């Protein structure tokens, strides 16, 4: 007669969680190594683009504000 195999016992829940946590941090370390940081020249170039964009949008919003203020004043004065 064949012997029944006893089911394999799972490791302790804390050991399983510990392995998962270790794997998680090992994966994080691997992903951080894949990051390609921009050079200083690229960073300052991007900063210039952002500042110029902010200036253009600021001027457009200011012009729109003054234009609508003038239009509202004109309509209020006419009526």
N, C-alpha and C. Protein backbone atom coordinates (compact mmCIF):
# COMPACT_ATOMS: atom_id res chain seq x y z
N UNK A 1 0.81 -1.17 0.00
CA UNK A 1 0.00 0.00 0.00
C UNK A 1 0.87 1.26 0.00
N UNK A 2 0.42 2.25 -0.76
CA UNK A 2 1.21 3.49 -0.87
C UNK A 2 0.94 4.38 0.33
N UNK A 3 2.01 4.99 0.77
CA UNK A 3 1.87 5.90 1.90
C UNK A 3 1.30 7.23 1.42
N UNK A 4 0.48 7.82 2.27
CA UNK A 4 -0.04 9.15 1.95
C UNK A 4 1.05 10.18 2.19
N UNK A 5 1.17 11.10 1.23
CA UNK A 5 2.14 12.18 1.42
C UNK A 5 1.52 13.24 2.30
N UNK A 6 2.30 13.67 3.24
CA UNK A 6 1.81 14.75 4.09
C UNK A 6 1.95 16.07 3.33
N UNK A 7 0.93 16.93 3.44
CA UNK A 7 1.04 18.21 2.74
C UNK A 7 2.21 19.02 3.30
N UNK A 8 2.89 19.73 2.38
CA UNK A 8 4.03 20.55 2.80
C UNK A 8 3.52 21.72 3.63
N UNK A 9 4.23 21.98 4.70
CA UNK A 9 3.85 23.09 5.56
C UNK A 9 4.39 24.39 4.97
N UNK A 10 3.55 25.40 4.99
CA UNK A 10 3.99 26.72 4.55
C UNK A 10 4.84 27.34 5.65
N UNK A 11 5.81 28.16 5.26
CA UNK A 11 6.58 28.85 6.29
C UNK A 11 5.69 29.78 7.10
N UNK A 12 6.20 30.17 8.21
CA UNK A 12 5.52 31.09 9.11
C UNK A 12 5.08 32.35 8.33
N UNK A 13 3.95 32.92 8.71
CA UNK A 13 3.41 34.09 8.02
C UNK A 13 4.40 35.26 8.07
N UNK A 14 5.14 35.39 9.16
CA UNK A 14 6.10 36.49 9.27
C UNK A 14 7.29 36.28 8.33
N UNK A 15 7.69 35.03 8.14
CA UNK A 15 8.77 34.75 7.19
C UNK A 15 8.32 35.06 5.76
N UNK A 16 7.07 34.70 5.45
CA UNK A 16 6.56 34.99 4.10
C UNK A 16 6.46 36.49 3.87
N UNK A 17 5.95 37.23 4.88
CA UNK A 17 5.87 38.68 4.73
C UNK A 17 7.26 39.29 4.63
N UNK A 18 8.20 38.77 5.41
CA UNK A 18 9.56 39.27 5.37
C UNK A 18 10.18 39.11 4.00
N UNK A 19 9.95 37.95 3.39
CA UNK A 19 10.48 37.72 2.04
C UNK A 19 9.86 38.69 1.05
N UNK A 20 8.56 38.94 1.20
CA UNK A 20 7.88 39.88 0.30
C UNK A 20 8.41 41.30 0.47
N UNK A 21 8.66 41.69 1.69
CA UNK A 21 9.17 43.04 1.95
C UNK A 21 10.58 43.18 1.39
N UNK A 22 11.41 42.16 1.61
CA UNK A 22 12.78 42.20 1.08
C UNK A 22 12.75 42.28 -0.44
N UNK A 23 11.88 41.50 -1.08
CA UNK A 23 11.77 41.53 -2.54
C UNK A 23 11.31 42.91 -3.01
N UNK A 24 10.37 43.51 -2.27
CA UNK A 24 9.86 44.83 -2.63
C UNK A 24 11.00 45.86 -2.65
N UNK A 25 11.81 45.87 -1.59
CA UNK A 25 12.89 46.85 -1.53
C UNK A 25 14.01 46.53 -2.53
N UNK A 26 14.22 45.25 -2.80
CA UNK A 26 15.20 44.88 -3.82
C UNK A 26 14.73 45.38 -5.20
N UNK A 27 13.43 45.26 -5.48
CA UNK A 27 12.88 45.75 -6.74
C UNK A 27 12.99 47.27 -6.83
N UNK A 28 12.75 47.96 -5.71
CA UNK A 28 12.87 49.42 -5.70
C UNK A 28 14.30 49.82 -6.04
N UNK A 29 15.26 49.15 -5.43
CA UNK A 29 16.67 49.44 -5.68
C UNK A 29 17.00 49.25 -7.16
N UNK A 30 16.48 48.18 -7.75
CA UNK A 30 16.71 47.92 -9.17
C UNK A 30 16.10 48.99 -10.06
N UNK A 31 14.91 49.46 -9.71
CA UNK A 31 14.25 50.49 -10.51
C UNK A 31 14.97 51.83 -10.39
N UNK A 32 15.47 52.15 -9.19
CA UNK A 32 16.19 53.41 -9.00
C UNK A 32 17.47 53.41 -9.82
N UNK A 33 18.11 52.25 -9.97
CA UNK A 33 19.33 52.18 -10.78
C UNK A 33 19.05 52.45 -12.25
N UNK A 34 17.81 52.25 -12.70
CA UNK A 34 17.45 52.47 -14.10
C UNK A 34 17.20 53.94 -14.43
N UNK A 35 17.08 54.80 -13.41
CA UNK A 35 16.78 56.21 -13.64
C UNK A 35 17.95 56.88 -14.35
N UNK A 36 17.64 57.66 -15.37
CA UNK A 36 18.66 58.44 -16.07
C UNK A 36 18.43 59.90 -15.70
N UNK A 37 19.33 60.46 -14.92
CA UNK A 37 19.18 61.83 -14.47
C UNK A 37 19.62 62.79 -15.56
N UNK A 38 18.91 63.92 -15.71
CA UNK A 38 19.31 64.88 -16.75
C UNK A 38 20.60 65.60 -16.35
N UNK A 39 21.29 66.10 -17.37
CA UNK A 39 22.51 66.85 -17.11
C UNK A 39 22.14 68.25 -16.64
N UNK A 40 23.13 68.97 -16.14
CA UNK A 40 22.90 70.35 -15.67
C UNK A 40 22.45 71.22 -16.84
N UNK A 41 23.07 71.03 -18.00
CA UNK A 41 22.71 71.83 -19.18
C UNK A 41 21.25 71.59 -19.57
N UNK A 42 20.82 70.35 -19.56
CA UNK A 42 19.43 70.02 -19.89
C UNK A 42 18.47 70.61 -18.87
N UNK A 43 18.85 70.54 -17.60
CA UNK A 43 18.00 71.08 -16.54
C UNK A 43 17.80 72.57 -16.70
N UNK A 44 18.88 73.30 -16.95
CA UNK A 44 18.75 74.75 -17.12
C UNK A 44 18.01 75.10 -18.41
N UNK A 45 18.18 74.29 -19.45
CA UNK A 45 17.43 74.52 -20.69
C UNK A 45 15.93 74.34 -20.45
N UNK A 46 15.57 73.29 -19.73
CA UNK A 46 14.15 73.07 -19.42
C UNK A 46 13.61 74.18 -18.52
N UNK A 47 14.44 74.64 -17.58
CA UNK A 47 14.01 75.72 -16.69
C UNK A 47 13.73 76.99 -17.50
N UNK A 48 14.56 77.27 -18.50
CA UNK A 48 14.34 78.43 -19.35
C UNK A 48 13.03 78.34 -20.11
N UNK A 49 12.72 77.15 -20.61
CA UNK A 49 11.46 76.94 -21.34
C UNK A 49 10.28 77.17 -20.41
N UNK A 50 10.36 76.66 -19.19
CA UNK A 50 9.27 76.81 -18.23
C UNK A 50 9.08 78.29 -17.87
N UNK A 51 10.17 79.00 -17.59
CA UNK A 51 10.07 80.42 -17.23
C UNK A 51 9.50 81.25 -18.38
N UNK A 52 9.94 80.97 -19.60
CA UNK A 52 9.42 81.69 -20.76
C UNK A 52 7.93 81.40 -20.95
N UNK A 53 7.54 80.15 -20.76
CA UNK A 53 6.11 79.79 -20.88
C UNK A 53 5.29 80.52 -19.82
N UNK A 54 5.81 80.57 -18.60
CA UNK A 54 5.10 81.27 -17.53
C UNK A 54 4.95 82.75 -17.85
N UNK A 55 5.99 83.35 -18.40
CA UNK A 55 5.94 84.77 -18.75
C UNK A 55 4.89 85.02 -19.84
N UNK A 56 4.88 84.18 -20.86
CA UNK A 56 3.92 84.35 -21.96
C UNK A 56 2.49 84.18 -21.45
N UNK A 57 2.23 83.15 -20.66
CA UNK A 57 0.89 82.93 -20.13
C UNK A 57 0.49 84.09 -19.21
N UNK A 58 1.42 84.58 -18.40
CA UNK A 58 1.13 85.71 -17.51
C UNK A 58 0.75 86.95 -18.29
N UNK A 59 1.48 87.23 -19.37
CA UNK A 59 1.17 88.40 -20.21
C UNK A 59 -0.20 88.23 -20.86
N UNK A 60 -0.51 87.04 -21.34
CA UNK A 60 -1.81 86.80 -21.98
C UNK A 60 -2.96 86.96 -20.97
N UNK A 61 -2.79 86.43 -19.78
CA UNK A 61 -3.84 86.56 -18.76
C UNK A 61 -4.01 88.02 -18.35
N UNK A 62 -2.90 88.74 -18.21
CA UNK A 62 -2.98 90.16 -17.86
C UNK A 62 -3.69 90.95 -18.95
N UNK A 63 -3.35 90.68 -20.21
CA UNK A 63 -4.00 91.38 -21.33
C UNK A 63 -5.49 91.05 -21.37
N UNK A 64 -5.86 89.81 -21.14
CA UNK A 64 -7.26 89.42 -21.11
C UNK A 64 -7.99 90.12 -19.97
N UNK A 65 -7.35 90.20 -18.82
CA UNK A 65 -7.95 90.86 -17.67
C UNK A 65 -8.20 92.34 -17.94
N UNK A 66 -7.17 93.04 -18.47
CA UNK A 66 -7.35 94.45 -18.78
C UNK A 66 -8.40 94.66 -19.87
N UNK A 67 -8.42 93.79 -20.87
CA UNK A 67 -9.40 93.91 -21.95
C UNK A 67 -10.83 93.72 -21.44
N UNK A 68 -11.04 92.71 -20.61
CA UNK A 68 -12.38 92.49 -20.07
C UNK A 68 -12.78 93.59 -19.10
N UNK A 69 -11.82 94.11 -18.35
CA UNK A 69 -12.10 95.23 -17.44
C UNK A 69 -12.51 96.47 -18.24
N UNK A 70 -11.79 96.73 -19.33
CA UNK A 70 -12.14 97.87 -20.18
C UNK A 70 -13.52 97.66 -20.79
N UNK A 71 -13.81 96.46 -21.29
CA UNK A 71 -15.10 96.17 -21.92
C UNK A 71 -16.23 96.32 -20.91
N UNK A 72 -16.06 95.83 -19.70
CA UNK A 72 -17.08 95.96 -18.66
C UNK A 72 -17.30 97.43 -18.30
N UNK A 73 -16.19 98.17 -18.16
CA UNK A 73 -16.32 99.60 -17.87
C UNK A 73 -17.04 100.33 -19.00
N UNK A 74 -16.74 99.98 -20.24
CA UNK A 74 -17.41 100.61 -21.39
C UNK A 74 -18.90 100.29 -21.39
N UNK A 75 -19.27 99.04 -21.13
CA UNK A 75 -20.68 98.66 -21.11
C UNK A 75 -21.44 99.31 -19.95
N UNK A 76 -20.78 99.42 -18.81
CA UNK A 76 -21.42 100.06 -17.64
C UNK A 76 -21.60 101.56 -17.88
N UNK A 77 -20.64 102.16 -18.57
CA UNK A 77 -20.72 103.60 -18.84
C UNK A 77 -21.78 103.91 -19.87
N UNK A 78 -21.94 103.05 -20.88
CA UNK A 78 -22.93 103.25 -21.95
C UNK A 78 -24.32 103.13 -21.40
N UNK A 79 -24.56 102.17 -20.52
CA UNK A 79 -25.91 101.97 -20.01
C UNK A 79 -26.16 102.97 -18.94
